[in-house]
Amino acid sequence: MKRKEREHLKEDPFVDFIGKIIELFNKSKKWVLLGGGVLIVIVLVIVIFIFFRSKSISNENNLYARAFSIKSSDTLSSGEKLTELKKLKPKRGISSVIDLFIASIYFEEGEMKTARQIIDESSKSKIKLVNDEKILLKAEISNSMNKHKEAIKLFNELLIDRDLEISKDFILLKVAKIQLKMGHKKLAISNLKNLTNDFPQSFYYNDAITLLGEIESN
């Protein structure tokens, strides 16, 4: 290589920049490797967390299916259902799925305070459907105990949830019926019209239309 070419390489800004980076890396090699090791550990922790969370959700989904099967049984009495559900309740970890179904049985048997206490003391579930159903049951209990304002507040909490796992048309009909009991006809009509306009294929569409007719004829 000619002398001028060697001098040009020495003066080349890009070559000089690369040289400085290599020099800096050599000086900071220990810290770079340490940082890389920390990053790998963080990634592993995240992967492990996601794995166990997915496994936990899967277990809870299986528990939900088993609990639902017991709750909807035609051959078991309420007492037998409670016994079988309590057998499913884990010794450790979240048992909110079981709490939901146990509370719903007490609710159906008219034991409102017991049902409410179970829901209030229940842990939050990893399954959103379970959490939504717990709020729904809580609202139903409040309504049955004539705590209508509290019931509407809980129902509205569900209605404003964009990721709600429960049918909003069902809740709209529930809220409208409570509002009628409270004498709030305009609010009831508004919710019934929301139901018929937003959910024309709803299972509750005809009920809403019938109720609207009754209100408007009075």
Protein backbone atom coordinates (compact mmCIF):
# COMPACT_ATOMS: atom_id res chain seq x y z
CA MET A 1 0.00 0.00 0.00
CA LYS A 2 1.34 3.45 -0.89
CA ARG A 3 2.26 5.91 1.80
CA LYS A 4 -0.49 8.37 0.77
CA GLU A 5 -3.15 5.63 0.98
CA ARG A 6 -2.01 4.66 4.49
CA GLU A 7 -2.14 8.29 5.57
CA HIS A 8 -5.65 8.60 4.04
CA LEU A 9 -6.88 5.62 6.07
CA LYS A 10 -5.51 7.17 9.23
CA GLU A 11 -7.35 10.40 8.46
CA ASP A 12 -10.61 8.68 7.36
CA PRO A 13 -13.36 9.85 9.84
CA PHE A 14 -15.29 6.56 9.58
CA VAL A 15 -12.24 4.43 10.32
CA ASP A 16 -11.35 6.75 13.17
CA PHE A 17 -14.93 6.48 14.56
CA ILE A 18 -14.88 2.65 14.41
CA GLY A 19 -11.51 2.66 16.10
CA LYS A 20 -12.80 4.77 18.94
CA ILE A 21 -15.84 2.48 19.41
CA ILE A 22 -13.57 -0.59 19.58
CA GLU A 23 -11.33 1.19 22.05
CA LEU A 24 -14.32 2.23 24.17
CA PHE A 25 -15.73 -1.32 24.07
CA ASN A 26 -12.42 -2.76 25.24
CA LYS A 27 -12.31 -0.31 28.12
CA SER A 28 -15.96 -0.96 29.05
CA LYS A 29 -16.06 -4.66 28.19
CA LYS A 30 -16.71 -5.68 31.78
CA TRP A 31 -19.72 -3.38 32.13
CA VAL A 32 -21.11 -4.26 28.70
CA LEU A 33 -21.00 -7.97 29.51
CA LEU A 34 -22.52 -7.33 32.93
CA GLY A 35 -25.34 -5.30 31.36
CA GLY A 36 -25.94 -8.04 28.81
CA GLY A 37 -26.13 -10.61 31.60
CA VAL A 38 -28.65 -8.50 33.54
CA LEU A 39 -30.74 -8.10 30.39
CA ILE A 40 -30.79 -11.87 29.84
CA VAL A 41 -31.87 -12.43 33.46
CA ILE A 42 -34.70 -9.88 33.08
CA VAL A 43 -35.91 -11.56 29.88
CA LEU A 44 -35.84 -14.98 31.57
CA VAL A 45 -37.82 -13.66 34.55
CA ILE A 46 -40.45 -12.18 32.21
CA VAL A 47 -40.71 -15.45 30.24
CA ILE A 48 -41.06 -17.49 33.47
CA PHE A 49 -43.70 -15.05 34.78
CA ILE A 50 -45.73 -15.30 31.55
CA PHE A 51 -45.46 -19.11 31.60
CA PHE A 52 -46.71 -19.49 35.18
CA ARG A 53 -49.41 -16.84 34.69
CA SER A 54 -50.69 -18.69 31.61
CA LYS A 55 -50.62 -21.96 33.54
CA SER A 56 -52.50 -20.36 36.44
CA ILE A 57 -55.17 -18.93 34.10
CA SER A 58 -55.50 -22.33 32.41
CA ASN A 59 -55.99 -24.01 35.81
CA GLU A 60 -58.57 -21.42 36.80
CA ASN A 61 -60.43 -21.91 33.51
CA ASN A 62 -60.57 -25.65 34.18
CA LEU A 63 -61.81 -24.96 37.70
CA TYR A 64 -64.52 -22.68 36.29
CA ALA A 65 -65.71 -25.42 33.92
CA ARG A 66 -65.89 -27.98 36.74
CA ALA A 67 -67.67 -25.55 39.09
CA PHE A 68 -70.16 -24.56 36.38
CA SER A 69 -70.93 -28.23 35.74
CA ILE A 70 -71.74 -28.74 39.44
CA LYS A 71 -73.77 -25.52 39.70
CA SER A 72 -75.91 -26.36 36.63
CA SER A 73 -76.53 -29.99 37.64
CA ASP A 74 -80.17 -31.11 37.57
CA THR A 75 -79.57 -34.08 39.86
CA LEU A 76 -77.89 -32.35 42.81
CA SER A 77 -79.69 -30.39 45.52
CA SER A 78 -78.44 -26.97 46.60
CA GLY A 79 -76.81 -28.51 49.67
CA GLU A 80 -75.08 -31.18 47.59
CA LYS A 81 -73.87 -28.56 45.12
CA LEU A 82 -72.35 -26.53 47.97
CA THR A 83 -70.61 -29.64 49.32
CA GLU A 84 -69.15 -30.51 45.91
CA LEU A 85 -68.05 -26.95 45.24
CA LYS A 86 -66.29 -26.69 48.59
CA LYS A 87 -64.38 -29.87 47.73
CA LEU A 88 -62.97 -28.04 44.69
CA LYS A 89 -61.79 -25.09 46.75
CA PRO A 90 -57.96 -25.13 46.74
CA LYS A 91 -56.05 -25.04 50.02
CA ARG A 92 -53.77 -22.38 48.56
CA GLY A 93 -54.08 -19.74 45.90
CA ILE A 94 -57.05 -17.96 44.40
CA SER A 95 -60.45 -19.54 44.91
CA SER A 96 -62.61 -16.72 43.54
CA VAL A 97 -64.11 -19.01 40.89
CA ILE A 98 -65.50 -21.30 43.58
CA ASP A 99 -66.55 -18.34 45.71
CA LEU A 100 -68.60 -17.02 42.78
CA PHE A 101 -70.59 -20.23 42.37
CA ILE A 102 -71.02 -20.80 46.11
CA ALA A 103 -72.30 -17.23 46.52
CA SER A 104 -74.69 -17.66 43.60
CA ILE A 105 -76.26 -20.72 45.26
CA TYR A 106 -76.76 -18.84 48.54
CA PHE A 107 -78.29 -15.99 46.50
CA GLU A 108 -80.75 -18.37 44.83
CA GLU A 109 -81.65 -19.77 48.24
CA GLY A 110 -82.45 -16.27 49.50
CA GLU A 111 -79.47 -16.02 51.86
CA MET A 112 -78.45 -12.57 50.63
CA LYS A 113 -76.13 -11.56 53.47
CA THR A 114 -74.14 -14.78 53.22
CA ALA A 115 -73.87 -14.44 49.44
CA ARG A 116 -72.75 -10.80 49.73
CA GLN A 117 -70.16 -11.60 52.40
CA ILE A 118 -68.61 -14.34 50.26
CA ILE A 119 -68.35 -12.00 47.26
CA ASP A 120 -66.93 -9.14 49.33
CA GLU A 121 -64.25 -11.37 50.87
CA SER A 122 -63.39 -13.11 47.60
CA SER A 123 -60.03 -12.48 45.95
CA LYS A 124 -59.71 -10.98 42.48
CA SER A 125 -59.60 -13.59 39.73
CA LYS A 126 -57.16 -13.75 36.81
CA ILE A 127 -60.20 -14.41 34.59
CA LYS A 128 -62.05 -11.21 33.69
CA LEU A 129 -65.33 -13.06 33.16
CA VAL A 130 -65.27 -14.19 36.79
CA ASN A 131 -64.64 -10.64 38.05
CA ASP A 132 -67.46 -9.30 35.86
CA GLU A 133 -69.84 -12.00 37.07
CA LYS A 134 -68.96 -11.19 40.67
CA ILE A 135 -69.92 -7.54 40.12
CA LEU A 136 -73.10 -8.68 38.38
CA LEU A 137 -74.02 -10.97 41.29
CA LYS A 138 -73.23 -8.20 43.75
CA ALA A 139 -75.62 -5.91 41.84
CA GLU A 140 -78.32 -8.61 41.82
CA ILE A 141 -77.93 -9.08 45.57
CA SER A 142 -78.17 -5.31 46.19
CA ASN A 143 -81.30 -5.13 44.06
CA SER A 144 -82.89 -8.03 45.94
CA MET A 145 -82.11 -6.26 49.23
CA ASN A 146 -83.88 -3.13 47.86
CA LYS A 147 -80.58 -1.24 47.65
CA HIS A 148 -81.53 0.01 44.20
CA LYS A 149 -79.07 2.91 43.95
CA GLU A 150 -76.18 0.63 44.83
CA ALA A 151 -77.40 -1.95 42.31
CA ILE A 152 -77.60 0.63 39.50
CA LYS A 153 -74.12 1.92 40.38
CA LEU A 154 -72.70 -1.61 40.04
CA PHE A 155 -74.61 -2.28 36.81
CA ASN A 156 -73.32 1.01 35.36
CA GLU A 157 -69.79 0.01 36.35
CA LEU A 158 -70.22 -2.96 34.02
CA LEU A 159 -71.86 -0.93 31.24
CA ILE A 160 -68.95 1.50 30.91
CA ASP A 161 -66.42 -1.33 30.71
CA ARG A 162 -65.33 -1.63 27.06
CA ASP A 163 -63.92 -5.11 27.66
CA LEU A 164 -66.99 -6.42 29.45
CA GLU A 165 -67.37 -10.21 29.24
CA ILE A 166 -71.13 -10.15 29.96
CA SER A 167 -73.95 -9.16 27.57
CA LYS A 168 -74.66 -5.44 27.90
CA ASP A 169 -78.21 -5.88 26.58
CA PHE A 170 -79.04 -8.05 29.59
CA ILE A 171 -77.70 -5.37 31.96
CA LEU A 172 -79.57 -2.57 30.18
CA LEU A 173 -82.86 -4.44 30.68
CA LYS A 174 -82.03 -5.04 34.36
CA VAL A 175 -81.21 -1.36 34.94
CA ALA A 176 -84.39 -0.21 33.15
CA LYS A 177 -86.57 -2.43 35.34
CA ILE A 178 -84.94 -1.09 38.51
CA GLN A 179 -85.37 2.48 37.30
CA LEU A 180 -89.06 1.83 36.73
CA LYS A 181 -89.36 0.61 40.34
CA MET A 182 -87.73 3.84 41.46
CA GLY A 183 -90.10 5.91 39.32
CA HIS A 184 -87.43 7.06 36.87
CA LYS A 185 -89.40 6.46 33.67
CA LYS A 186 -87.32 8.68 31.39
CA LEU A 187 -84.09 6.93 32.37
CA ALA A 188 -85.75 3.54 31.93
CA ILE A 189 -87.02 4.48 28.47
CA SER A 190 -83.55 5.73 27.51
CA ASN A 191 -81.92 2.42 28.50
CA LEU A 192 -84.61 0.35 26.78
CA LYS A 193 -84.15 2.35 23.57
CA ASN A 194 -80.38 1.88 23.84
CA LEU A 195 -81.03 -1.84 24.02
CA THR A 196 -83.37 -1.96 21.01
CA ASN A 197 -81.18 0.37 18.90
CA ASP A 198 -77.78 -1.12 19.74
CA PHE A 199 -78.82 -4.77 20.04
CA PRO A 200 -81.59 -5.45 17.48
CA GLN A 201 -80.74 -9.18 17.48
CA SER A 202 -80.77 -9.43 21.27
CA PHE A 203 -82.53 -12.24 23.06
CA TYR A 204 -84.02 -9.49 25.26
CA TYR A 205 -85.21 -7.30 22.35
CA ASN A 206 -88.86 -8.38 22.55
CA ASP A 207 -88.89 -7.91 26.35
CA ALA A 208 -87.58 -4.38 25.88
CA ILE A 209 -90.18 -3.58 23.20
CA THR A 210 -92.98 -4.95 25.39
CA LEU A 211 -91.80 -2.96 28.39
CA LEU A 212 -91.51 0.22 26.30
CA GLY A 213 -95.10 -0.29 25.11
CA GLU A 214 -96.33 -0.69 28.68
CA ILE A 215 -94.54 2.47 29.82
CA GLU A 216 -95.77 4.59 26.91
CA SER A 217 -99.38 3.37 27.30
CA ASN A 218 -99.52 4.48 30.94
